[in-house]
Protein backbone atom coordinates (compact mmCIF):
# COMPACT_ATOMS: atom_id res chain seq x y z
CA MET A 1 1.08 -46.13 50.51
CA VAL A 2 0.97 -50.17 49.85
CA PHE A 3 2.33 -49.27 46.49
CA GLU A 4 5.05 -47.19 47.84
CA HIS A 5 6.17 -49.84 50.03
CA LEU A 6 6.39 -52.55 47.21
CA LEU A 7 8.41 -49.91 45.20
CA ASN A 8 10.75 -49.43 48.12
CA GLU A 9 11.22 -53.18 48.38
CA ASN A 10 12.37 -53.52 44.99
CA LYS A 11 14.65 -50.53 45.30
CA LYS A 12 16.36 -52.64 48.16
CA TYR A 13 17.06 -55.43 45.76
CA GLY A 14 18.23 -53.03 42.90
CA SER A 15 15.06 -52.76 40.94
CA ASN A 16 13.57 -49.38 40.01
CA SER A 17 10.38 -48.06 38.55
CA SER A 18 11.74 -48.30 34.91
CA ASP A 19 13.21 -52.06 35.39
CA ILE A 20 9.39 -53.05 36.73
CA VAL A 21 8.00 -51.55 33.33
CA LYS A 22 10.79 -53.51 31.29
CA MET A 23 10.19 -56.63 33.06
CA HIS A 24 6.42 -56.52 32.70
CA PHE A 25 5.59 -54.84 29.74
CA HIS A 26 8.74 -55.24 27.65
CA CYS A 27 8.84 -51.59 26.80
CA GLU A 28 10.04 -48.22 28.08
CA PRO A 29 7.71 -46.37 30.69
CA ASP A 30 7.18 -43.63 28.23
CA GLU A 31 5.57 -46.08 25.73
CA ILE A 32 2.67 -46.17 28.02
CA ASN A 33 0.00 -43.29 27.64
CA GLU A 34 -1.71 -41.48 30.47
CA ASN A 35 -4.89 -43.12 29.16
CA VAL A 36 -5.11 -47.18 29.42
CA ILE A 37 -7.64 -49.31 28.59
CA ILE A 38 -7.40 -52.85 30.05
CA ALA A 39 -9.39 -55.71 28.44
CA PRO A 40 -8.66 -59.50 29.73
CA SER A 41 -9.62 -60.84 26.42
CA TRP A 42 -11.13 -58.20 24.00
CA TYR A 43 -8.83 -56.92 21.05
CA PRO A 44 -8.91 -53.38 20.17
CA GLN A 45 -10.15 -54.38 16.74
CA ILE A 46 -13.54 -54.39 18.23
CA PHE A 47 -13.54 -50.73 18.16
CA GLN A 48 -12.01 -50.68 14.56
CA ASN A 49 -14.71 -48.12 13.50
CA PHE A 50 -13.50 -45.45 16.10
CA ILE A 51 -9.69 -46.04 16.02
CA GLU A 52 -7.68 -43.49 13.83
CA ASN A 53 -4.41 -45.01 14.47
CA ILE A 54 -2.87 -48.26 16.08
CA ILE A 55 0.46 -49.49 16.61
CA GLN A 56 1.32 -52.53 18.43
CA VAL A 57 4.03 -52.27 21.19
CA LEU A 58 3.93 -55.84 22.33
CA ASP A 59 2.71 -59.17 21.29
CA ASN A 60 3.76 -61.97 23.31
CA GLN A 61 2.16 -65.17 24.84
CA HIS A 62 1.20 -63.33 28.12
CA LEU A 63 0.61 -59.75 27.37
CA LYS A 64 -0.47 -57.69 24.12
CA ILE A 65 -0.05 -54.05 24.11
CA TRP A 66 -1.12 -51.40 21.40
CA ASN A 67 -0.91 -47.57 21.36
CA ILE A 68 -4.23 -46.42 19.60
CA SER A 69 -5.78 -42.78 18.80
CA VAL A 70 -9.43 -42.47 19.03
CA ASN A 71 -11.03 -38.93 18.39
CA ASN A 72 -7.15 -37.21 18.67
CA LYS A 73 -6.66 -38.82 22.03
CA LYS A 74 -4.10 -41.21 22.81
CA PHE A 75 -4.63 -44.45 24.90
CA THR A 76 -2.67 -47.67 25.57
CA TYR A 77 -4.62 -50.76 25.31
CA ILE A 78 -3.45 -53.88 27.11
CA VAL A 79 -4.91 -57.27 26.77
CA THR A 80 -3.95 -59.07 30.04
CA GLY A 81 -5.44 -62.48 29.72
CA ILE A 82 -8.09 -63.77 31.92
CA GLY A 83 -7.87 -63.51 35.93
CA ALA A 84 -7.46 -61.21 38.54
CA PRO A 85 -4.00 -61.94 38.96
CA LYS A 86 -2.93 -60.83 35.58
CA VAL A 87 -4.93 -57.66 35.73
CA ILE A 88 -3.50 -56.70 39.11
CA GLU A 89 0.00 -57.40 38.08
CA THR A 90 -0.55 -55.10 35.09
CA VAL A 91 -2.37 -52.51 37.12
CA LEU A 92 0.54 -52.42 39.56
CA ALA A 93 3.21 -51.98 36.74
CA LEU A 94 1.33 -49.20 35.47
CA GLY A 95 1.97 -47.52 38.46
CA CYS A 96 5.79 -46.90 37.26
CA THR A 97 4.43 -45.58 34.03
CA PRO A 98 2.61 -42.20 33.00
CA CYS A 99 -0.74 -43.94 33.16
CA ARG A 100 -3.08 -41.96 35.34
CA LYS A 101 -6.47 -43.04 34.20
CA ILE A 102 -7.53 -46.75 33.58
CA ILE A 103 -10.84 -48.10 31.87
CA PHE A 104 -11.19 -51.58 32.27
CA ILE A 105 -13.69 -53.44 29.57
CA GLY A 106 -14.80 -57.01 29.86
CA SER A 107 -17.61 -59.38 30.26
CA VAL A 108 -18.15 -59.90 33.99
CA GLY A 109 -21.50 -58.32 33.65
CA GLY A 110 -22.45 -61.24 31.66
CA LEU A 111 -22.79 -63.13 35.08
CA VAL A 112 -26.01 -61.10 35.98
CA VAL A 113 -29.27 -61.58 34.25
CA ASN A 114 -30.38 -58.10 34.05
CA PHE A 115 -27.26 -56.63 32.56
CA ASN A 116 -26.98 -56.17 28.78
CA ILE A 117 -24.02 -56.00 26.33
CA GLY A 118 -22.87 -52.16 26.56
CA ASP A 119 -24.00 -51.61 29.97
CA ILE A 120 -21.61 -49.69 32.15
CA ILE A 121 -20.91 -50.95 35.62
CA ILE A 122 -19.23 -48.88 38.06
CA PRO A 123 -17.86 -50.87 40.65
CA GLU A 124 -18.18 -49.76 44.27
CA TYR A 125 -15.04 -51.84 45.71
């Protein structure tokens, strides 16, 4: 509901969903896959043993995007930079793309002593 309100407010001033994607991601909406991995600072090369194909879509100072294939499944991999504002701006812009599923990977679990590298954390809110 809030997202729809944001889109409607953008439309009032002449911006549509495609414009939002182009402004944030510097690409066409259809260049973003249905499955997206968001990582504030980890590059996709950490998964090099699993990636079958990798194509860089964007490499600028603020955002880096690749389309990758793993086990014949396509993902868009986005490095947002560190900080909640950067991540949430990216998630909001993804609402204007074919993206339907997001996997977030990061090191926030490092703040808790009994978490180990590779542990999966599912947030409740």
